[in-house]
Amino acid sequence: MTAPRLRLYCFHHAGGSAGNFAKWPAGLRSFEVRAIQLPHRFLPAGVARAGHLDALLPGMADEVAGAQADALPFAFYGHSLGALVAFELARTLRARGGPQPVALAISGHRAPHRLLGRPPICELEQTAFIDRLRGLGGMPESVLTDTRTLSYILPTLRADLRLSEIYDYREEPPLSLPLFGFRGQDDPLLNEADYAAWADVTRGPSVLRTLPGHHFFEQEGLGALHAHLEADLTPLANRPTRRRRDPAEAL
C-alpha cells in the first residue's frame, strides 16, 4: 500500500457525525482521511451541550497536534458548521505555535466575519424548523416525518446550529495559507457576497468555486468535489507543517 501524501481532517455539518465522511477514503486514495466528530452527539433533550464553539476548540486542537507527531502534511476540510470549526481550529493551532495545515478547504458557510443575515433557525418552533430542514435537502422525508427519529436527532441539530448562529468573530491577523471554497449554486443559506468574503481571511491565494446543487451539493456531486480537492491539495503535500512565524502577525 502506498503511503498517504497528505492527511485530510474533515469536519461535519450541524447535526452530522464522522460517519458523513465514510465514503471519502475510497474517493481520495492518495490522502489519509480523518474525520473529527464534535462531542455530545445525539444525547437526550435537556442534556447540557457546549454553548459556544470556543469550548470545543482546545480538545480538537489536542487531537490534531497528537496525530501530527509524524509531521505528515495535513489540510482541513469543513462543510457548513464544519467550515467554521475548521477555520477557528486553524487559528487556535496558530495561536498555540503548533503544527499548521497546508491549506483550508471550506463549503456551505458564510465567511466567519460576515454577520448572520437571516433570523436564527435554531430557535424556530418544531414545525417551522422541520420545514426549513426540508428546504435545505440532505435529510430524507422518511426521517423528517418520523417522530421518534426526530426526537433523537433534533436536540443535537439545534445545538449545533446554535454554535454557528451565535458565533462571534474575533479580529485576528489573516491566516497565511491557501483557501479553497465550494458552494452549491442553489444554496438558500449562502449568498454570493457572504461566500466571496472568505478570501478576506487569508493572505494566501483563494479559489472559490460554485458547483451544481443545494446546501448539501456534495451528496450528488461527491466525485467532483473529491477531484477538486485532490487537484488543489496534492501540490501542497510537500509543504512543512511546523509553525513559521509570520512577521505580519505581530502588527
C-alpha atoms as a PDB file:
ATOM      1  CA  MET A   1       0.000   0.000   0.000  1.00  0.00           C
ATOM      2  CA  THR A   2       1.317   3.437  -0.939  1.00  0.00           C
ATOM      3  CA  ALA A   3       1.850   5.765   2.000  1.00  0.00           C
ATOM      4  CA  PRO A   4      -0.566   8.729   2.057  1.00  0.00           C
ATOM      5  CA  ARG A   5       0.831  12.003   0.789  1.00  0.00           C
ATOM      6  CA  LEU A   6      -1.384  14.180   2.951  1.00  0.00           C
ATOM      7  CA  ARG A   7      -3.765  13.853   5.890  1.00  0.00           C
ATOM      8  CA  LEU A   8      -7.151  15.495   5.388  1.00  0.00           C
ATOM      9  CA  TYR A   9      -9.070  16.323   8.564  1.00  0.00           C
ATOM     10  CA  CYS A  10     -12.792  16.580   7.845  1.00  0.00           C
ATOM     11  CA  PHE A  11     -15.379  18.420   9.933  1.00  0.00           C
ATOM     12  CA  HIS A  12     -19.079  17.641   9.563  1.00  0.00           C
ATOM     13  CA  HIS A  13     -22.144  19.856   9.245  1.00  0.00           C
ATOM     14  CA  ALA A  14     -24.609  20.661  12.031  1.00  0.00           C
ATOM     15  CA  GLY A  15     -26.360  17.507  13.158  1.00  0.00           C
ATOM     16  CA  GLY A  16     -23.797  15.339  11.405  1.00  0.00           C
ATOM     17  CA  SER A  17     -21.091  12.979  12.587  1.00  0.00           C
ATOM     18  CA  ALA A  18     -17.818  11.419  11.489  1.00  0.00           C
ATOM     19  CA  GLY A  19     -19.927   8.939   9.530  1.00  0.00           C
ATOM     20  CA  ASN A  20     -20.674  11.642   6.963  1.00  0.00           C
ATOM     21  CA  PHE A  21     -17.185  11.017   5.590  1.00  0.00           C
ATOM     22  CA  ALA A  22     -17.333   7.213   5.472  1.00  0.00           C
ATOM     23  CA  LYS A  23     -17.116   7.174   1.659  1.00  0.00           C
ATOM     24  CA  TRP A  24     -14.298   9.674   1.400  1.00  0.00           C
ATOM     25  CA  PRO A  25     -11.267   7.361   1.704  1.00  0.00           C
ATOM     26  CA  ALA A  26     -12.381   5.471  -1.403  1.00  0.00           C
ATOM     27  CA  GLY A  27     -12.527   8.707  -3.391  1.00  0.00           C
ATOM     28  CA  LEU A  28      -9.287  10.221  -2.079  1.00  0.00           C
ATOM     29  CA  ARG A  29      -6.909   7.286  -2.179  1.00  0.00           C
ATOM     30  CA  SER A  30      -3.722   9.345  -2.019  1.00  0.00           C
ATOM     31  CA  PHE A  31      -4.871  11.034   1.201  1.00  0.00           C
ATOM     32  CA  GLU A  32      -5.429   9.773   4.713  1.00  0.00           C
ATOM     33  CA  VAL A  33      -8.945  10.950   5.536  1.00  0.00           C
ATOM     34  CA  ARG A  34      -9.543  11.536   9.232  1.00  0.00           C
ATOM     35  CA  ALA A  35     -12.982  12.742  10.327  1.00  0.00           C
ATOM     36  CA  ILE A  36     -13.207  14.669  13.578  1.00  0.00           C
ATOM     37  CA  GLN A  37     -16.553  14.467  15.321  1.00  0.00           C
ATOM     38  CA  LEU A  38     -17.952  17.162  17.549  1.00  0.00           C
ATOM     39  CA  PRO A  39     -18.704  15.894  21.071  1.00  0.00           C
ATOM     40  CA  HIS A  40     -22.135  15.389  22.618  1.00  0.00           C
ATOM     41  CA  ARG A  41     -23.714  13.688  19.613  1.00  0.00           C
ATOM     42  CA  PHE A  42     -27.357  12.663  19.926  1.00  0.00           C
ATOM     43  CA  LEU A  43     -27.827  12.944  23.657  1.00  0.00           C
ATOM     44  CA  PRO A  44     -31.352  13.183  25.090  1.00  0.00           C
ATOM     45  CA  ALA A  45     -33.092  16.549  25.124  1.00  0.00           C
ATOM     46  CA  GLY A  46     -32.197  18.574  28.193  1.00  0.00           C
ATOM     47  CA  VAL A  47     -28.635  17.246  28.480  1.00  0.00           C
ATOM     48  CA  ALA A  48     -26.109  20.081  28.628  1.00  0.00           C
ATOM     49  CA  ARG A  49     -24.095  20.683  25.464  1.00  0.00           C
ATOM     50  CA  ALA A  50     -21.334  23.132  24.637  1.00  0.00           C
ATOM     51  CA  GLY A  51     -22.853  26.591  24.320  1.00  0.00           C
ATOM     52  CA  HIS A  52     -20.031  28.137  22.338  1.00  0.00           C
ATOM     53  CA  LEU A  53     -17.521  26.928  19.790  1.00  0.00           C
ATOM     54  CA  ASP A  54     -14.635  28.154  21.946  1.00  0.00           C
ATOM     55  CA  ALA A  55     -15.374  25.378  24.440  1.00  0.00           C
ATOM     56  CA  LEU A  56     -14.737  22.702  21.797  1.00  0.00           C
ATOM     57  CA  LEU A  57     -11.572  24.013  20.176  1.00  0.00           C
ATOM     58  CA  PRO A  58      -8.948  23.043  22.808  1.00  0.00           C
ATOM     59  CA  GLY A  59      -9.873  19.356  22.697  1.00  0.00           C
ATOM     60  CA  MET A  60      -9.847  19.262  18.909  1.00  0.00           C
ATOM     61  CA  ALA A  61      -6.525  21.099  18.811  1.00  0.00           C
ATOM     62  CA  ASP A  62      -5.071  18.497  21.178  1.00  0.00           C
ATOM     63  CA  GLU A  63      -6.372  15.718  18.927  1.00  0.00           C
ATOM     64  CA  VAL A  64      -4.792  17.201  15.803  1.00  0.00           C
ATOM     65  CA  ALA A  65      -1.499  18.034  17.499  1.00  0.00           C
ATOM     66  CA  GLY A  66      -1.228  14.489  18.837  1.00  0.00           C
ATOM     67  CA  ALA A  67      -1.949  12.941  15.454  1.00  0.00           C
ATOM     68  CA  GLN A  68       0.616  15.197  13.800  1.00  0.00           C
ATOM     69  CA  ALA A  69       3.548  13.758  15.725  1.00  0.00           C
ATOM     70  CA  ASP A  70       4.545  12.096  12.440  1.00  0.00           C
ATOM     71  CA  ALA A  71       4.694  15.525  10.706  1.00  0.00           C
ATOM     72  CA  LEU A  72       2.677  14.306   7.703  1.00  0.00           C
ATOM     73  CA  PRO A  73       1.408  17.370   5.799  1.00  0.00           C
ATOM     74  CA  PHE A  74      -2.248  17.977   6.554  1.00  0.00           C
ATOM     75  CA  ALA A  75      -5.177  20.101   5.473  1.00  0.00           C
ATOM     76  CA  PHE A  76      -8.647  20.885   6.801  1.00  0.00           C
ATOM     77  CA  TYR A  77     -11.999  20.484   5.054  1.00  0.00           C
ATOM     78  CA  GLY A  78     -15.257  21.519   6.671  1.00  0.00           C
ATOM     79  CA  HIS A  79     -18.822  21.736   5.423  1.00  0.00           C
ATOM     80  CA  SER A  80     -21.343  24.241   6.816  1.00  0.00           C
ATOM     81  CA  LEU A  81     -20.733  24.367  10.598  1.00  0.00           C
ATOM     82  CA  GLY A  82     -17.628  22.281   9.881  1.00  0.00           C
ATOM     83  CA  ALA A  83     -16.208  25.121   7.777  1.00  0.00           C
ATOM     84  CA  LEU A  84     -16.412  27.441  10.762  1.00  0.00           C
ATOM     85  CA  VAL A  85     -14.874  24.786  13.018  1.00  0.00           C
ATOM     86  CA  ALA A  86     -12.003  24.216  10.574  1.00  0.00           C
ATOM     87  CA  PHE A  87     -11.296  27.948  10.325  1.00  0.00           C
ATOM     88  CA  GLU A  88     -11.276  28.518  14.075  1.00  0.00           C
ATOM     89  CA  LEU A  89      -9.216  25.389  14.682  1.00  0.00           C
ATOM     90  CA  ALA A  90      -6.578  26.654  12.241  1.00  0.00           C
ATOM     91  CA  ARG A  91      -6.444  29.906  14.220  1.00  0.00           C
ATOM     92  CA  THR A  92      -6.235  28.004  17.510  1.00  0.00           C
ATOM     93  CA  LEU A  93      -3.293  25.919  16.283  1.00  0.00           C
ATOM     94  CA  ARG A  94      -1.562  29.081  15.077  1.00  0.00           C
ATOM     95  CA  ALA A  95      -2.010  30.731  18.471  1.00  0.00           C
ATOM     96  CA  ARG A  96      -0.502  27.674  20.159  1.00  0.00           C
ATOM     97  CA  GLY A  97       2.509  27.672  17.862  1.00  0.00           C
ATOM     98  CA  GLY A  98       1.736  24.098  16.873  1.00  0.00           C
ATOM     99  CA  PRO A  99       1.546  22.301  13.523  1.00  0.00           C
ATOM    100  CA  GLN A 100      -0.235  24.223  10.801  1.00  0.00           C
ATOM    101  CA  PRO A 101      -2.424  22.963   7.953  1.00  0.00           C
ATOM    102  CA  VAL A 102      -1.039  23.492   4.479  1.00  0.00           C
ATOM    103  CA  ALA A 103      -4.495  24.566   3.273  1.00  0.00           C
ATOM    104  CA  LEU A 104      -8.049  25.223   4.378  1.00  0.00           C
ATOM    105  CA  ALA A 105     -10.972  23.953   2.292  1.00  0.00           C
ATOM    106  CA  ILE A 106     -14.492  25.056   3.184  1.00  0.00           C
ATOM    107  CA  SER A 107     -18.004  24.699   1.840  1.00  0.00           C
ATOM    108  CA  GLY A 108     -21.551  25.771   2.594  1.00  0.00           C
ATOM    109  CA  HIS A 109     -20.959  28.523   5.177  1.00  0.00           C
ATOM    110  CA  ARG A 110     -20.735  32.294   5.138  1.00  0.00           C
ATOM    111  CA  ALA A 111     -17.308  33.830   5.763  1.00  0.00           C
ATOM    112  CA  PRO A 112     -16.737  33.998   9.527  1.00  0.00           C
ATOM    113  CA  HIS A 113     -16.618  37.799   9.714  1.00  0.00           C
ATOM    114  CA  ARG A 114     -19.941  38.204   7.893  1.00  0.00           C
ATOM    115  CA  LEU A 115     -22.952  38.689  10.152  1.00  0.00           C
ATOM    116  CA  LEU A 116     -25.826  36.236  10.064  1.00  0.00           C
ATOM    117  CA  GLY A 117     -28.170  37.823   7.521  1.00  0.00           C
ATOM    118  CA  ARG A 118     -31.351  35.971   8.496  1.00  0.00           C
ATOM    119  CA  PRO A 119     -33.316  35.071  11.631  1.00  0.00           C
ATOM    120  CA  PRO A 120     -31.718  32.156  13.524  1.00  0.00           C
ATOM    121  CA  ILE A 121     -33.029  28.740  12.554  1.00  0.00           C
ATOM    122  CA  CYS A 122     -32.148  27.069  15.838  1.00  0.00           C
ATOM    123  CA  GLU A 123     -34.932  28.838  17.766  1.00  0.00           C
ATOM    124  CA  LEU A 124     -37.791  28.042  15.366  1.00  0.00           C
ATOM    125  CA  GLU A 125     -40.718  26.048  16.694  1.00  0.00           C
ATOM    126  CA  GLN A 126     -40.798  22.415  15.629  1.00  0.00           C
ATOM    127  CA  THR A 127     -42.981  22.582  12.509  1.00  0.00           C
ATOM    128  CA  ALA A 128     -41.192  25.618  11.084  1.00  0.00           C
ATOM    129  CA  PHE A 129     -37.826  24.098  11.961  1.00  0.00           C
ATOM    130  CA  ILE A 130     -38.600  20.884  10.087  1.00  0.00           C
ATOM    131  CA  ASP A 131     -39.859  22.885   7.101  1.00  0.00           C
ATOM    132  CA  ARG A 132     -36.527  24.724   6.948  1.00  0.00           C
ATOM    133  CA  LEU A 133     -34.639  21.435   7.096  1.00  0.00           C
ATOM    134  CA  ARG A 134     -36.778  20.112   4.268  1.00  0.00           C
ATOM    135  CA  GLY A 135     -35.858  23.143   2.163  1.00  0.00           C
ATOM    136  CA  LEU A 136     -32.143  22.517   2.656  1.00  0.00           C
ATOM    137  CA  GLY A 137     -32.266  18.940   1.400  1.00  0.00           C
ATOM    138  CA  GLY A 138     -29.857  16.360   2.710  1.00  0.00           C
ATOM    139  CA  MET A 139     -32.359  14.682   5.035  1.00  0.00           C
ATOM    140  CA  PRO A 140     -34.783  12.043   3.727  1.00  0.00           C
ATOM    141  CA  GLU A 141     -38.502  12.714   4.038  1.00  0.00           C
ATOM    142  CA  SER A 142     -38.806   9.415   5.909  1.00  0.00           C
ATOM    143  CA  VAL A 143     -36.660  10.935   8.661  1.00  0.00           C
ATOM    144  CA  LEU A 144     -38.444  14.299   8.676  1.00  0.00           C
ATOM    145  CA  THR A 145     -41.782  12.564   9.291  1.00  0.00           C
ATOM    146  CA  ASP A 146     -40.567  10.049  11.882  1.00  0.00           C
ATOM    147  CA  THR A 147     -41.355  11.498  15.306  1.00  0.00           C
ATOM    148  CA  ARG A 148     -39.170   9.040  17.188  1.00  0.00           C
ATOM    149  CA  THR A 149     -36.132   9.648  14.992  1.00  0.00           C
ATOM    150  CA  LEU A 150     -36.605  13.412  15.158  1.00  0.00           C
ATOM    151  CA  SER A 151     -36.698  13.314  18.962  1.00  0.00           C
ATOM    152  CA  TYR A 152     -33.284  11.651  18.786  1.00  0.00           C
ATOM    153  CA  ILE A 153     -31.547  13.939  16.287  1.00  0.00           C
ATOM    154  CA  LEU A 154     -33.155  17.372  16.624  1.00  0.00           C
ATOM    155  CA  PRO A 155     -31.700  18.380  20.020  1.00  0.00           C
ATOM    156  CA  THR A 156     -28.187  17.848  18.658  1.00  0.00           C
ATOM    157  CA  LEU A 157     -29.023  19.593  15.391  1.00  0.00           C
ATOM    158  CA  ARG A 158     -30.448  22.629  17.170  1.00  0.00           C
ATOM    159  CA  ALA A 159     -27.424  22.820  19.477  1.00  0.00           C
ATOM    160  CA  ASP A 160     -25.028  22.599  16.530  1.00  0.00           C
ATOM    161  CA  LEU A 161     -26.879  25.292  14.606  1.00  0.00           C
ATOM    162  CA  ARG A 162     -26.714  27.488  17.659  1.00  0.00           C
ATOM    163  CA  LEU A 163     -22.902  27.201  17.662  1.00  0.00           C
ATOM    164  CA  SER A 164     -22.892  28.733  14.194  1.00  0.00           C
ATOM    165  CA  GLU A 165     -25.690  31.241  14.657  1.00  0.00           C
ATOM    166  CA  ILE A 166     -24.376  32.823  17.879  1.00  0.00           C
ATOM    167  CA  TYR A 167     -20.761  32.713  16.701  1.00  0.00           C
ATOM    168  CA  ASP A 168     -18.912  35.938  17.465  1.00  0.00           C
ATOM    169  CA  TYR A 169     -15.965  36.640  15.158  1.00  0.00           C
ATOM    170  CA  ARG A 170     -12.811  37.994  16.801  1.00  0.00           C
ATOM    171  CA  GLU A 171     -10.432  40.161  14.794  1.00  0.00           C
ATOM    172  CA  GLU A 172      -7.065  38.463  14.287  1.00  0.00           C
ATOM    173  CA  PRO A 173      -4.460  38.652  11.512  1.00  0.00           C
ATOM    174  CA  PRO A 174      -5.464  36.683   8.420  1.00  0.00           C
ATOM    175  CA  LEU A 175      -4.247  33.123   8.033  1.00  0.00           C
ATOM    176  CA  SER A 176      -1.236  32.513   5.803  1.00  0.00           C
ATOM    177  CA  LEU A 177      -2.343  29.538   3.733  1.00  0.00           C
ATOM    178  CA  PRO A 178      -4.229  28.719   0.532  1.00  0.00           C
ATOM    179  CA  LEU A 179      -8.001  28.595   0.844  1.00  0.00           C
ATOM    180  CA  PHE A 180     -10.319  26.577  -1.386  1.00  0.00           C
ATOM    181  CA  GLY A 181     -14.061  27.172  -1.222  1.00  0.00           C
ATOM    182  CA  PHE A 182     -17.101  25.338  -2.558  1.00  0.00           C
ATOM    183  CA  ARG A 183     -20.732  26.427  -2.724  1.00  0.00           C
ATOM    184  CA  GLY A 184     -23.876  24.870  -4.153  1.00  0.00           C
ATOM    185  CA  GLN A 185     -25.296  27.278  -6.717  1.00  0.00           C
ATOM    186  CA  ASP A 186     -28.799  26.928  -5.248  1.00  0.00           C
ATOM    187  CA  ASP A 187     -27.811  27.012  -1.571  1.00  0.00           C
ATOM    188  CA  PRO A 188     -30.534  29.029   0.224  1.00  0.00           C
ATOM    189  CA  LEU A 189     -28.256  29.715   3.209  1.00  0.00           C
ATOM    190  CA  LEU A 190     -25.274  31.203   1.386  1.00  0.00           C
ATOM    191  CA  ASN A 191     -25.336  34.237  -0.876  1.00  0.00           C
ATOM    192  CA  GLU A 192     -22.537  35.276  -3.218  1.00  0.00           C
ATOM    193  CA  ALA A 193     -21.266  38.163  -1.080  1.00  0.00           C
ATOM    194  CA  ASP A 194     -21.016  36.121   2.122  1.00  0.00           C
ATOM    195  CA  TYR A 195     -19.234  33.367   0.196  1.00  0.00           C
ATOM    196  CA  ALA A 196     -16.799  35.664  -1.635  1.00  0.00           C
ATOM    197  CA  ALA A 197     -15.742  37.202   1.685  1.00  0.00           C
ATOM    198  CA  TRP A 198     -13.839  34.012   2.568  1.00  0.00           C
ATOM    199  CA  ALA A 199     -10.994  35.475   0.500  1.00  0.00           C
ATOM    200  CA  ASP A 200     -10.534  38.079   3.253  1.00  0.00           C
ATOM    201  CA  VAL A 201      -9.491  35.577   5.938  1.00  0.00           C
ATOM    202  CA  THR A 202      -6.145  34.586   4.401  1.00  0.00           C
ATOM    203  CA  ARG A 203      -3.074  36.230   2.921  1.00  0.00           C
ATOM    204  CA  GLY A 204      -2.645  33.164   0.756  1.00  0.00           C
ATOM    205  CA  PRO A 205      -4.341  32.524  -2.574  1.00  0.00           C
ATOM    206  CA  SER A 206      -8.031  31.683  -2.555  1.00  0.00           C
ATOM    207  CA  VAL A 207     -10.049  29.732  -5.100  1.00  0.00           C
ATOM    208  CA  LEU A 208     -13.826  29.870  -4.650  1.00  0.00           C
ATOM    209  CA  ARG A 209     -15.941  27.562  -6.795  1.00  0.00           C
ATOM    210  CA  THR A 210     -19.692  27.260  -7.278  1.00  0.00           C
ATOM    211  CA  LEU A 211     -20.917  23.758  -8.092  1.00  0.00           C
ATOM    212  CA  PRO A 212     -24.345  22.418  -9.086  1.00  0.00           C
ATOM    213  CA  GLY A 213     -26.672  21.662  -6.208  1.00  0.00           C
ATOM    214  CA  HIS A 214     -28.143  22.992  -2.981  1.00  0.00           C
ATOM    215  CA  HIS A 215     -26.697  23.254   0.526  1.00  0.00           C
ATOM    216  CA  PHE A 216     -25.712  19.584   0.533  1.00  0.00           C
ATOM    217  CA  PHE A 217     -24.372  19.666  -3.023  1.00  0.00           C
ATOM    218  CA  GLU A 218     -21.708  17.076  -2.207  1.00  0.00           C
ATOM    219  CA  GLN A 219     -24.313  14.350  -1.759  1.00  0.00           C
ATOM    220  CA  GLU A 220     -24.916  14.312  -5.512  1.00  0.00           C
ATOM    221  CA  GLY A 221     -21.542  15.672  -6.602  1.00  0.00           C
ATOM    222  CA  LEU A 222     -19.079  13.932  -4.297  1.00  0.00           C
ATOM    223  CA  GLY A 223     -16.879  12.757  -7.169  1.00  0.00           C
ATOM    224  CA  ALA A 224     -16.497  16.294  -8.494  1.00  0.00           C
ATOM    225  CA  LEU A 225     -15.686  17.637  -5.029  1.00  0.00           C
ATOM    226  CA  HIS A 226     -13.070  14.942  -4.498  1.00  0.00           C
ATOM    227  CA  ALA A 227     -11.483  15.672  -7.876  1.00  0.00           C
ATOM    228  CA  HIS A 228     -11.167  19.356  -6.977  1.00  0.00           C
ATOM    229  CA  LEU A 229      -9.733  18.597  -3.536  1.00  0.00           C
ATOM    230  CA  GLU A 230      -7.185  16.180  -4.929  1.00  0.00           C
ATOM    231  CA  ALA A 231      -6.091  18.645  -7.616  1.00  0.00           C
ATOM    232  CA  ASP A 232      -5.929  21.519  -5.124  1.00  0.00           C
ATOM    233  CA  LEU A 233      -4.217  19.790  -2.215  1.00  0.00           C
ATOM    234  CA  THR A 234      -1.805  17.313  -3.798  1.00  0.00           C
ATOM    235  CA  PRO A 235       0.666  20.028  -4.933  1.00  0.00           C
ATOM    236  CA  LEU A 236       0.831  21.242  -1.315  1.00  0.00           C
ATOM    237  CA  ALA A 237       1.793  17.882   0.163  1.00  0.00           C
ATOM    238  CA  ASN A 238       5.483  18.768   0.388  1.00  0.00           C
ATOM    239  CA  ARG A 239       4.981  21.917   2.430  1.00  0.00           C
ATOM    240  CA  PRO A 240       6.184  21.955   6.053  1.00  0.00           C
ATOM    241  CA  THR A 241       3.547  21.806   8.769  1.00  0.00           C
ATOM    242  CA  ARG A 242       5.579  23.243  11.602  1.00  0.00           C
ATOM    243  CA  ARG A 243       4.961  26.759  12.781  1.00  0.00           C
ATOM    244  CA  ARG A 244       6.754  29.559  10.972  1.00  0.00           C
ATOM    245  CA  ARG A 245       6.034  32.930  12.483  1.00  0.00           C
ATOM    246  CA  ASP A 246       4.644  35.453  10.035  1.00  0.00           C
ATOM    247  CA  PRO A 247       6.107  38.890  10.909  1.00  0.00           C
ATOM    248  CA  ALA A 248       2.822  40.497   9.848  1.00  0.00           C
ATOM    249  CA  GLU A 249       1.053  38.728  12.715  1.00  0.00           C
ATOM    250  CA  ALA A 250       2.856  40.977  15.158  1.00  0.00           C
ATOM    251  CA  LEU A 251       1.323  44.084  13.594  1.00  0.00           C
END
